[in-house]
PDB file of N, CA and C in Angstrom:
ATOM      1  N   MET A   1      21.364  -4.285 -69.610  1.00  0.00           N
ATOM      2  CA  MET A   1      21.915  -3.006 -69.186  1.00  0.00           C
ATOM      3  C   MET A   1      23.067  -3.228 -68.213  1.00  0.00           C
ATOM      4  N   ALA A   2      24.027  -2.347 -68.265  1.00  0.00           N
ATOM      5  CA  ALA A   2      25.190  -2.433 -67.381  1.00  0.00           C
ATOM      6  C   ALA A   2      24.760  -2.255 -65.933  1.00  0.00           C
ATOM      7  N   ALA A   3      25.639  -2.681 -65.031  1.00  0.00           N
ATOM      8  CA  ALA A   3      25.338  -2.601 -63.605  1.00  0.00           C
ATOM      9  C   ALA A   3      26.591  -2.229 -62.827  1.00  0.00           C
ATOM     10  N   LEU A   4      26.372  -1.643 -61.661  1.00  0.00           N
ATOM     11  CA  LEU A   4      27.459  -1.304 -60.746  1.00  0.00           C
ATOM     12  C   LEU A   4      27.365  -2.178 -59.505  1.00  0.00           C
ATOM     13  N   TRP A   5      28.491  -2.716 -59.122  1.00  0.00           N
ATOM     14  CA  TRP A   5      28.653  -3.478 -57.874  1.00  0.00           C
ATOM     15  C   TRP A   5      29.277  -2.475 -56.924  1.00  0.00           C
ATOM     16  N   ILE A   6      28.587  -2.140 -55.854  1.00  0.00           N
ATOM     17  CA  ILE A   6      29.044  -1.104 -54.927  1.00  0.00           C
ATOM     18  C   ILE A   6      29.219  -1.738 -53.549  1.00  0.00           C
ATOM     19  N   THR A   7      30.427  -1.633 -53.030  1.00  0.00           N
ATOM     20  CA  THR A   7      30.748  -2.222 -51.731  1.00  0.00           C
ATOM     21  C   THR A   7      31.279  -1.143 -50.803  1.00  0.00           C
ATOM     22  N   HIS A   8      30.791  -1.156 -49.572  1.00  0.00           N
ATOM     23  CA  HIS A   8      31.274  -0.264 -48.515  1.00  0.00           C
ATOM     24  C   HIS A   8      31.898  -1.161 -47.449  1.00  0.00           C
ATOM     25  N   VAL A   9      33.150  -0.893 -47.084  1.00  0.00           N
ATOM     26  CA  VAL A   9      33.905  -1.831 -46.259  1.00  0.00           C
ATOM     27  C   VAL A   9      34.630  -1.132 -45.111  1.00  0.00           C
ATOM     28  N   SER A  10      34.578  -1.760 -43.948  1.00  0.00           N
ATOM     29  CA  SER A  10      35.464  -1.443 -42.826  1.00  0.00           C
ATOM     30  C   SER A  10      36.305  -2.691 -42.590  1.00  0.00           C
ATOM     31  N   VAL A  11      37.596  -2.586 -42.783  1.00  0.00           N
ATOM     32  CA  VAL A  11      38.492  -3.723 -42.595  1.00  0.00           C
ATOM     33  C   VAL A  11      38.815  -3.839 -41.110  1.00  0.00           C
ATOM     34  N   THR A  12      38.660  -5.050 -40.562  1.00  0.00           N
ATOM     35  CA  THR A  12      38.933  -5.281 -39.143  1.00  0.00           C
ATOM     36  C   THR A  12      40.220  -6.068 -38.914  1.00  0.00           C
ATOM     37  N   HIS A  13      40.663  -6.834 -39.928  1.00  0.00           N
ATOM     38  CA  HIS A  13      41.905  -7.612 -39.846  1.00  0.00           C
ATOM     39  C   HIS A  13      42.624  -7.496 -41.187  1.00  0.00           C
ATOM     40  N   GLU A  14      43.598  -6.597 -41.243  1.00  0.00           N
ATOM     41  CA  GLU A  14      44.296  -6.259 -42.498  1.00  0.00           C
ATOM     42  C   GLU A  14      44.915  -7.471 -43.196  1.00  0.00           C
ATOM     43  N   ASP A  15      45.603  -8.329 -42.449  1.00  0.00           N
ATOM     44  CA  ASP A  15      46.304  -9.461 -43.072  1.00  0.00           C
ATOM     45  C   ASP A  15      45.325 -10.412 -43.767  1.00  0.00           C
ATOM     46  N   GLU A  16      44.237 -10.728 -43.114  1.00  0.00           N
ATOM     47  CA  GLU A  16      43.244 -11.621 -43.714  1.00  0.00           C
ATOM     48  C   GLU A  16      42.551 -10.951 -44.889  1.00  0.00           C
ATOM     49  N   TYR A  17      42.261  -9.671 -44.761  1.00  0.00           N
ATOM     50  CA  TYR A  17      41.583  -8.961 -45.849  1.00  0.00           C
ATOM     51  C   TYR A  17      42.488  -8.869 -47.077  1.00  0.00           C
ATOM     52  N   ALA A  18      43.781  -8.794 -46.868  1.00  0.00           N
ATOM     53  CA  ALA A  18      44.721  -8.771 -47.990  1.00  0.00           C
ATOM     54  C   ALA A  18      44.616 -10.056 -48.808  1.00  0.00           C
ATOM     55  N   LYS A  19      44.348 -11.176 -48.135  1.00  0.00           N
ATOM     56  CA  LYS A  19      44.151 -12.448 -48.849  1.00  0.00           C
ATOM     57  C   LYS A  19      42.901 -12.370 -49.712  1.00  0.00           C
ATOM     58  N   TYR A  20      41.840 -11.752 -49.190  1.00  0.00           N
ATOM     59  CA  TYR A  20      40.628 -11.542 -49.978  1.00  0.00           C
ATOM     60  C   TYR A  20      40.950 -10.713 -51.220  1.00  0.00           C
ATOM     61  N   ALA A  21      41.614  -9.592 -51.031  1.00  0.00           N
ATOM     62  CA  ALA A  21      41.897  -8.676 -52.140  1.00  0.00           C
ATOM     63  C   ALA A  21      42.732  -9.350 -53.217  1.00  0.00           C
ATOM     64  N   LYS A  22      43.686 -10.164 -52.812  1.00  0.00           N
ATOM     65  CA  LYS A  22      44.548 -10.858 -53.773  1.00  0.00           C
ATOM     66  C   LYS A  22      43.741 -11.797 -54.670  1.00  0.00           C
ATOM     67  N   LEU A  23      42.740 -12.465 -54.117  1.00  0.00           N
ATOM     68  CA  LEU A  23      41.930 -13.410 -54.880  1.00  0.00           C
ATOM     69  C   LEU A  23      40.744 -12.748 -55.578  1.00  0.00           C
ATOM     70  N   ALA A  24      40.189 -11.713 -54.970  1.00  0.00           N
ATOM     71  CA  ALA A  24      38.969 -11.101 -55.516  1.00  0.00           C
ATOM     72  C   ALA A  24      39.212 -10.401 -56.841  1.00  0.00           C
ATOM     73  N   GLY A  25      40.309  -9.673 -56.971  1.00  0.00           N
ATOM     74  CA  GLY A  25      40.586  -8.936 -58.203  1.00  0.00           C
ATOM     75  C   GLY A  25      40.558  -9.823 -59.437  1.00  0.00           C
ATOM     76  N   PRO A  26      41.320 -10.921 -59.449  1.00  0.00           N
ATOM     77  CA  PRO A  26      41.281 -11.813 -60.604  1.00  0.00           C
ATOM     78  C   PRO A  26      39.908 -12.453 -60.835  1.00  0.00           C
ATOM     79  N   ALA A  27      39.197 -12.784 -59.772  1.00  0.00           N
ATOM     80  CA  ALA A  27      37.860 -13.375 -59.923  1.00  0.00           C
ATOM     81  C   ALA A  27      36.911 -12.375 -60.577  1.00  0.00           C
ATOM     82  N   ILE A  28      36.990 -11.135 -60.155  1.00  0.00           N
ATOM     83  CA  ILE A  28      36.140 -10.086 -60.714  1.00  0.00           C
ATOM     84  C   ILE A  28      36.485  -9.852 -62.185  1.00  0.00           C
ATOM     85  N   ALA A  29      37.770  -9.779 -62.492  1.00  0.00           N
ATOM     86  CA  ALA A  29      38.195  -9.578 -63.880  1.00  0.00           C
ATOM     87  C   ALA A  29      37.757 -10.734 -64.769  1.00  0.00           C
ATOM     88  N   LYS A  30      37.846 -11.941 -64.253  1.00  0.00           N
ATOM     89  CA  LYS A  30      37.447 -13.129 -65.021  1.00  0.00           C
ATOM     90  C   LYS A  30      35.980 -13.053 -65.439  1.00  0.00           C
ATOM     91  N   HIS A  31      35.173 -12.382 -64.640  1.00  0.00           N
ATOM     92  CA  HIS A  31      33.738 -12.269 -64.915  1.00  0.00           C
ATOM     93  C   HIS A  31      33.372 -10.940 -65.563  1.00  0.00           C
ATOM     94  N   GLY A  32      34.363 -10.244 -66.086  1.00  0.00           N
ATOM     95  CA  GLY A  32      34.104  -9.030 -66.847  1.00  0.00           C
ATOM     96  C   GLY A  32      33.968  -7.763 -66.034  1.00  0.00           C
ATOM     97  N   GLY A  33      34.269  -7.823 -64.757  1.00  0.00           N
ATOM     98  CA  GLY A  33      34.173  -6.635 -63.917  1.00  0.00           C
ATOM     99  C   GLY A  33      35.333  -5.687 -64.151  1.00  0.00           C
ATOM    100  N   ALA A  34      35.040  -4.389 -64.141  1.00  0.00           N
ATOM    101  CA  ALA A  34      36.064  -3.353 -64.309  1.00  0.00           C
ATOM    102  C   ALA A  34      35.963  -2.373 -63.143  1.00  0.00           C
ATOM    103  N   PHE A  35      37.052  -2.202 -62.412  1.00  0.00           N
ATOM    104  CA  PHE A  35      37.053  -1.293 -61.272  1.00  0.00           C
ATOM    105  C   PHE A  35      36.926   0.151 -61.748  1.00  0.00           C
ATOM    106  N   ILE A  36      36.007   0.880 -61.139  1.00  0.00           N
ATOM    107  CA  ILE A  36      35.820   2.306 -61.401  1.00  0.00           C
ATOM    108  C   ILE A  36      36.424   3.115 -60.256  1.00  0.00           C
ATOM    109  N   ALA A  37      36.184   2.674 -59.032  1.00  0.00           N
ATOM    110  CA  ALA A  37      36.734   3.332 -57.844  1.00  0.00           C
ATOM    111  C   ALA A  37      37.095   2.247 -56.834  1.00  0.00           C
ATOM    112  N   ARG A  38      38.230   2.439 -56.184  1.00  0.00           N
ATOM    113  CA  ARG A  38      38.676   1.441 -55.209  1.00  0.00           C
ATOM    114  C   ARG A  38      39.442   2.152 -54.115  1.00  0.00           C
ATOM    115  N   GLY A  39      38.777   2.360 -52.967  1.00  0.00           N
ATOM    116  CA  GLY A  39      39.435   2.995 -51.843  1.00  0.00           C
ATOM    117  C   GLY A  39      39.783   4.460 -52.051  1.00  0.00           C
ATOM    118  N   ALA A  40      39.123   5.106 -52.994  1.00  0.00           N
ATOM    119  CA  ALA A  40      39.424   6.505 -53.306  1.00  0.00           C
ATOM    120  C   ALA A  40      38.789   7.453 -52.280  1.00  0.00           C
ATOM    121  N   ARG A  41      39.142   8.689 -52.376  1.00  0.00           N
ATOM    122  CA  ARG A  41      38.581   9.744 -51.518  1.00  0.00           C
ATOM    123  C   ARG A  41      37.060   9.718 -51.632  1.00  0.00           C
ATOM    124  N   HIS A  42      36.401   9.893 -50.494  1.00  0.00           N
ATOM    125  CA  HIS A  42      34.940   9.921 -50.500  1.00  0.00           C
ATOM    126  C   HIS A  42      34.439  10.881 -49.423  1.00  0.00           C
ATOM    127  N   VAL A  43      33.178  11.246 -49.532  1.00  0.00           N
ATOM    128  CA  VAL A  43      32.509  12.073 -48.533  1.00  0.00           C
ATOM    129  C   VAL A  43      31.237  11.339 -48.142  1.00  0.00           C
ATOM    130  N   GLN A  44      31.109  10.985 -46.869  1.00  0.00           N
ATOM    131  CA  GLN A  44      29.927  10.278 -46.379  1.00  0.00           C
ATOM    132  C   GLN A  44      28.873  11.314 -46.006  1.00  0.00           C
ATOM    133  N   LEU A  45      27.758  11.323 -46.700  1.00  0.00           N
ATOM    134  CA  LEU A  45      26.704  12.301 -46.434  1.00  0.00           C
ATOM    135  C   LEU A  45      25.574  11.732 -45.590  1.00  0.00           C
ATOM    136  N   GLU A  46      25.335  10.439 -45.696  1.00  0.00           N
ATOM    137  CA  GLU A  46      24.294   9.784 -44.895  1.00  0.00           C
ATOM    138  C   GLU A  46      24.737   8.368 -44.575  1.00  0.00           C
ATOM    139  N   GLY A  47      24.151   7.801 -43.523  1.00  0.00           N
ATOM    140  CA  GLY A  47      24.415   6.408 -43.187  1.00  0.00           C
ATOM    141  C   GLY A  47      25.760   6.191 -42.530  1.00  0.00           C
ATOM    142  N   LYS A  48      26.075   4.905 -42.346  1.00  0.00           N
ATOM    143  CA  LYS A  48      27.316   4.514 -41.682  1.00  0.00           C
ATOM    144  C   LYS A  48      28.501   4.726 -42.611  1.00  0.00           C
ATOM    145  N   ASP A  49      29.507   5.412 -42.114  1.00  0.00           N
ATOM    146  CA  ASP A  49      30.719   5.646 -42.896  1.00  0.00           C
ATOM    147  C   ASP A  49      31.588   4.399 -42.875  1.00  0.00           C
ATOM    148  N   ARG A  50      31.989   3.973 -44.045  1.00  0.00           N
ATOM    149  CA  ARG A  50      32.946   2.879 -44.195  1.00  0.00           C
ATOM    150  C   ARG A  50      34.156   3.477 -44.912  1.00  0.00           C
ATOM    151  N   PRO A  51      35.352   3.281 -44.394  1.00  0.00           N
ATOM    152  CA  PRO A  51      36.516   3.949 -44.974  1.00  0.00           C
ATOM    153  C   PRO A  51      36.922   3.455 -46.355  1.00  0.00           C
ATOM    154  N   ARG A  52      36.472   2.283 -46.753  1.00  0.00           N
ATOM    155  CA  ARG A  52      36.843   1.742 -48.072  1.00  0.00           C
ATOM    156  C   ARG A  52      35.573   1.543 -48.886  1.00  0.00           C
ATOM    157  N   ASN A  53      35.544   2.135 -50.060  1.00  0.00           N
ATOM    158  CA  ASN A  53      34.391   2.035 -50.954  1.00  0.00           C
ATOM    159  C   ASN A  53      34.888   1.600 -52.319  1.00  0.00           C
ATOM    160  N   VAL A  54      34.189   0.636 -52.911  1.00  0.00           N
ATOM    161  CA  VAL A  54      34.612   0.064 -54.186  1.00  0.00           C
ATOM    162  C   VAL A  54      33.420   0.063 -55.137  1.00  0.00           C
ATOM    163  N   VAL A  55      33.658   0.506 -56.378  1.00  0.00           N
ATOM    164  CA  VAL A  55      32.629   0.496 -57.410  1.00  0.00           C
ATOM    165  C   VAL A  55      33.206  -0.253 -58.610  1.00  0.00           C
ATOM    166  N   ILE A  56      32.463  -1.266 -59.077  1.00  0.00           N
ATOM    167  CA  ILE A  56      32.899  -2.089 -60.197  1.00  0.00           C
ATOM    168  C   ILE A  56      31.771  -2.124 -61.222  1.00  0.00           C
ATOM    169  N   ARG A  57      32.114  -1.973 -62.481  1.00  0.00           N
ATOM    170  CA  ARG A  57      31.118  -2.015 -63.556  1.00  0.00           C
ATOM    171  C   ARG A  57      31.106  -3.408 -64.186  1.00  0.00           C
ATOM    172  N   PHE A  58      29.911  -3.935 -64.378  1.00  0.00           N
ATOM    173  CA  PHE A  58      29.692  -5.204 -65.068  1.00  0.00           C
ATOM    174  C   PHE A  58      28.751  -4.957 -66.244  1.00  0.00           C
ATOM    175  N   ASP A  59      28.713  -5.889 -67.173  1.00  0.00           N
ATOM    176  CA  ASP A  59      27.839  -5.758 -68.339  1.00  0.00           C
ATOM    177  C   ASP A  59      26.360  -5.832 -67.976  1.00  0.00           C
ATOM    178  N   SER A  60      26.039  -6.471 -66.849  1.00  0.00           N
ATOM    179  CA  SER A  60      24.635  -6.624 -66.446  1.00  0.00           C
ATOM    180  C   SER A  60      24.559  -6.991 -64.974  1.00  0.00           C
ATOM    181  N   VAL A  61      23.367  -6.876 -64.416  1.00  0.00           N
ATOM    182  CA  VAL A  61      23.135  -7.335 -63.042  1.00  0.00           C
ATOM    183  C   VAL A  61      23.454  -8.820 -62.954  1.00  0.00           C
ATOM    184  N   GLU A  62      23.029  -9.572 -63.967  1.00  0.00           N
ATOM    185  CA  GLU A  62      23.237 -11.014 -63.965  1.00  0.00           C
ATOM    186  C   GLU A  62      24.727 -11.366 -63.954  1.00  0.00           C
ATOM    187  N   ALA A  63      25.531 -10.612 -64.702  1.00  0.00           N
ATOM    188  CA  ALA A  63      26.979 -10.857 -64.719  1.00  0.00           C
ATOM    189  C   ALA A  63      27.595 -10.570 -63.352  1.00  0.00           C
ATOM    190  N   ALA A  64      27.144  -9.514 -62.693  1.00  0.00           N
ATOM    191  CA  ALA A  64      27.659  -9.182 -61.364  1.00  0.00           C
ATOM    192  C   ALA A  64      27.290 -10.259 -60.354  1.00  0.00           C
ATOM    193  N   VAL A  65      26.058 -10.727 -60.406  1.00  0.00           N
ATOM    194  CA  VAL A  65      25.612 -11.774 -59.482  1.00  0.00           C
ATOM    195  C   VAL A  65      26.345 -13.081 -59.775  1.00  0.00           C
ATOM    196  N   ALA A  66      26.542 -13.400 -61.053  1.00  0.00           N
ATOM    197  CA  ALA A  66      27.280 -14.615 -61.412  1.00  0.00           C
ATOM    198  C   ALA A  66      28.702 -14.553 -60.871  1.00  0.00           C
ATOM    199  N   CYS A  67      29.327 -13.382 -60.929  1.00  0.00           N
ATOM    200  CA  CYS A  67      30.657 -13.219 -60.362  1.00  0.00           C
ATOM    201  C   CYS A  67      30.622 -13.482 -58.865  1.00  0.00           C
ATOM    202  N   TYR A  68      29.687 -12.851 -58.177  1.00  0.00           N
ATOM    203  CA  TYR A  68      29.577 -13.014 -56.726  1.00  0.00           C
ATOM    204  C   TYR A  68      29.393 -14.480 -56.349  1.00  0.00           C
ATOM    205  N   GLU A  69      28.585 -15.190 -57.110  1.00  0.00           N
ATOM    206  CA  GLU A  69      28.275 -16.590 -56.805  1.00  0.00           C
ATOM    207  C   GLU A  69      29.326 -17.572 -57.314  1.00  0.00           C
ATOM    208  N   SER A  70      30.301 -17.098 -58.074  1.00  0.00           N
ATOM    209  CA  SER A  70      31.302 -17.987 -58.666  1.00  0.00           C
ATOM    210  C   SER A  70      32.194 -18.614 -57.595  1.00  0.00           C
ATOM    211  N   PRO A  71      32.700 -19.810 -57.865  1.00  0.00           N
ATOM    212  CA  PRO A  71      33.617 -20.448 -56.907  1.00  0.00           C
ATOM    213  C   PRO A  71      34.845 -19.591 -56.617  1.00  0.00           C
ATOM    214  N   GLU A  72      35.360 -18.891 -57.632  1.00  0.00           N
ATOM    215  CA  GLU A  72      36.560 -18.068 -57.441  1.00  0.00           C
ATOM    216  C   GLU A  72      36.297 -16.924 -56.468  1.00  0.00           C
ATOM    217  N   TYR A  73      35.164 -16.258 -56.640  1.00  0.00           N
ATOM    218  CA  TYR A  73      34.869 -15.137 -55.745  1.00  0.00           C
ATOM    219  C   TYR A  73      34.498 -15.641 -54.354  1.00  0.00           C
ATOM    220  N   GLN A  74      33.778 -16.738 -54.269  1.00  0.00           N
ATOM    221  CA  GLN A  74      33.412 -17.282 -52.965  1.00  0.00           C
ATOM    222  C   GLN A  74      34.648 -17.698 -52.170  1.00  0.00           C
ATOM    223  N   GLU A  75      35.668 -18.188 -52.870  1.00  0.00           N
ATOM    224  CA  GLU A  75      36.929 -18.507 -52.199  1.00  0.00           C
ATOM    225  C   GLU A  75      37.539 -17.245 -51.597  1.00  0.00           C
ATOM    226  N   ALA A  76      37.535 -16.160 -52.358  1.00  0.00           N
ATOM    227  CA  ALA A  76      38.041 -14.882 -51.853  1.00  0.00           C
ATOM    228  C   ALA A  76      37.191 -14.380 -50.696  1.00  0.00           C
ATOM    229  N   LEU A  77      35.889 -14.446 -50.864  1.00  0.00           N
ATOM    230  CA  LEU A  77      34.950 -13.914 -49.872  1.00  0.00           C
ATOM    231  C   LEU A  77      35.114 -14.588 -48.513  1.00  0.00           C
ATOM    232  N   ALA A  78      35.535 -15.827 -48.501  1.00  0.00           N
ATOM    233  CA  ALA A  78      35.749 -16.529 -47.234  1.00  0.00           C
ATOM    234  C   ALA A  78      36.737 -15.762 -46.354  1.00  0.00           C
ATOM    235  N   PHE A  79      37.711 -15.079 -46.954  1.00  0.00           N
ATOM    236  CA  PHE A  79      38.679 -14.294 -46.187  1.00  0.00           C
ATOM    237  C   PHE A  79      38.090 -12.956 -45.738  1.00  0.00           C
ATOM    238  N   ALA A  80      37.175 -12.399 -46.505  1.00  0.00           N
ATOM    239  CA  ALA A  80      36.592 -11.098 -46.170  1.00  0.00           C
ATOM    240  C   ALA A  80      35.571 -11.198 -45.053  1.00  0.00           C
ATOM    241  N   LYS A  81      34.865 -12.301 -44.974  1.00  0.00           N
ATOM    242  CA  LYS A  81      33.770 -12.427 -44.005  1.00  0.00           C
ATOM    243  C   LYS A  81      34.216 -12.243 -42.563  1.00  0.00           C
ATOM    244  N   ASP A  82      35.379 -12.755 -42.215  1.00  0.00           N
ATOM    245  CA  ASP A  82      35.857 -12.636 -40.834  1.00  0.00           C
ATOM    246  C   ASP A  82      36.871 -11.515 -40.646  1.00  0.00           C
ATOM    247  N   SER A  83      37.134 -10.758 -41.708  1.00  0.00           N
ATOM    248  CA  SER A  83      38.147  -9.713 -41.594  1.00  0.00           C
ATOM    249  C   SER A  83      37.617  -8.327 -41.948  1.00  0.00           C
ATOM    250  N   SER A  84      36.280  -8.233 -42.101  1.00  0.00           N
ATOM    251  CA  SER A  84      35.700  -6.940 -42.468  1.00  0.00           C
ATOM    252  C   SER A  84      34.214  -6.910 -42.145  1.00  0.00           C
ATOM    253  N   GLU A  85      33.704  -5.692 -42.113  1.00  0.00           N
ATOM    254  CA  GLU A  85      32.261  -5.454 -42.073  1.00  0.00           C
ATOM    255  C   GLU A  85      31.944  -4.787 -43.396  1.00  0.00           C
ATOM    256  N   ARG A  86      30.937  -5.300 -44.142  1.00  0.00           N
ATOM    257  CA  ARG A  86      30.704  -4.803 -45.485  1.00  0.00           C
ATOM    258  C   ARG A  86      29.229  -4.831 -45.849  1.00  0.00           C
ATOM    259  N   GLU A  87      28.920  -3.963 -46.770  1.00  0.00           N
ATOM    260  CA  GLU A  87      27.635  -3.988 -47.457  1.00  0.00           C
ATOM    261  C   GLU A  87      27.961  -4.040 -48.937  1.00  0.00           C
ATOM    262  N   LEU A  88      27.178  -4.811 -49.689  1.00  0.00           N
ATOM    263  CA  LEU A  88      27.394  -4.902 -51.128  1.00  0.00           C
ATOM    264  C   LEU A  88      26.032  -4.868 -51.820  1.00  0.00           C
ATOM    265  N   VAL A  89      25.930  -4.047 -52.826  1.00  0.00           N
ATOM    266  CA  VAL A  89      24.693  -3.938 -53.611  1.00  0.00           C
ATOM    267  C   VAL A  89      25.071  -3.894 -55.080  1.00  0.00           C
ATOM    268  N   VAL A  90      24.221  -4.486 -55.913  1.00  0.00           N
ATOM    269  CA  VAL A  90      24.380  -4.389 -57.363  1.00  0.00           C
ATOM    270  C   VAL A  90      23.215  -3.558 -57.873  1.00  0.00           C
ATOM    271  N   VAL A  91      23.522  -2.516 -58.645  1.00  0.00           N
ATOM    272  CA  VAL A  91      22.507  -1.586 -59.136  1.00  0.00           C
ATOM    273  C   VAL A  91      22.603  -1.498 -60.647  1.00  0.00           C
ATOM    274  N   GLU A  92      21.485  -1.698 -61.310  1.00  0.00           N
ATOM    275  CA  GLU A  92      21.459  -1.540 -62.761  1.00  0.00           C
ATOM    276  C   GLU A  92      21.588  -0.069 -63.129  1.00  0.00           C
ATOM    277  N   ILE A  93      22.376   0.195 -64.174  1.00  0.00           N
ATOM    278  CA  ILE A  93      22.561   1.564 -64.633  1.00  0.00           C
ATOM    279  C   ILE A  93      21.436   1.883 -65.608  1.00  0.00           C
ATOM    280  N   THR A  94      20.737   2.962 -65.350  1.00  0.00           N
ATOM    281  CA  THR A  94      19.681   3.399 -66.275  1.00  0.00           C
ATOM    282  C   THR A  94      20.251   4.507 -67.138  1.00  0.00           C
ATOM    283  N   GLU A  95      20.580   4.151 -68.350  1.00  0.00           N
ATOM    284  CA  GLU A  95      21.230   5.113 -69.247  1.00  0.00           C
ATOM    285  C   GLU A  95      20.229   5.617 -70.263  1.00  0.00           C
TER     286      GLU A  95
END
């Protein structure tokens, strides 16, 4: 079943985070990820508000996790870790 990779982000260092974004997009695409929403308008109804929210569709939970664990994405993630506060969850779509 397909899955959604959902990330909520507060960027703390724009220049470093830009390096993450430059590398993450191609890594995600290489693993079959398709962006559904990226930094679009949102309404926070509960929990901590993060100004940047990203939703990516993958063919499966396993594909999303494989992308996250891939060397390409881990290289990108190294830039995000010190330049943002984030939560990331992968959720299977029940269709």
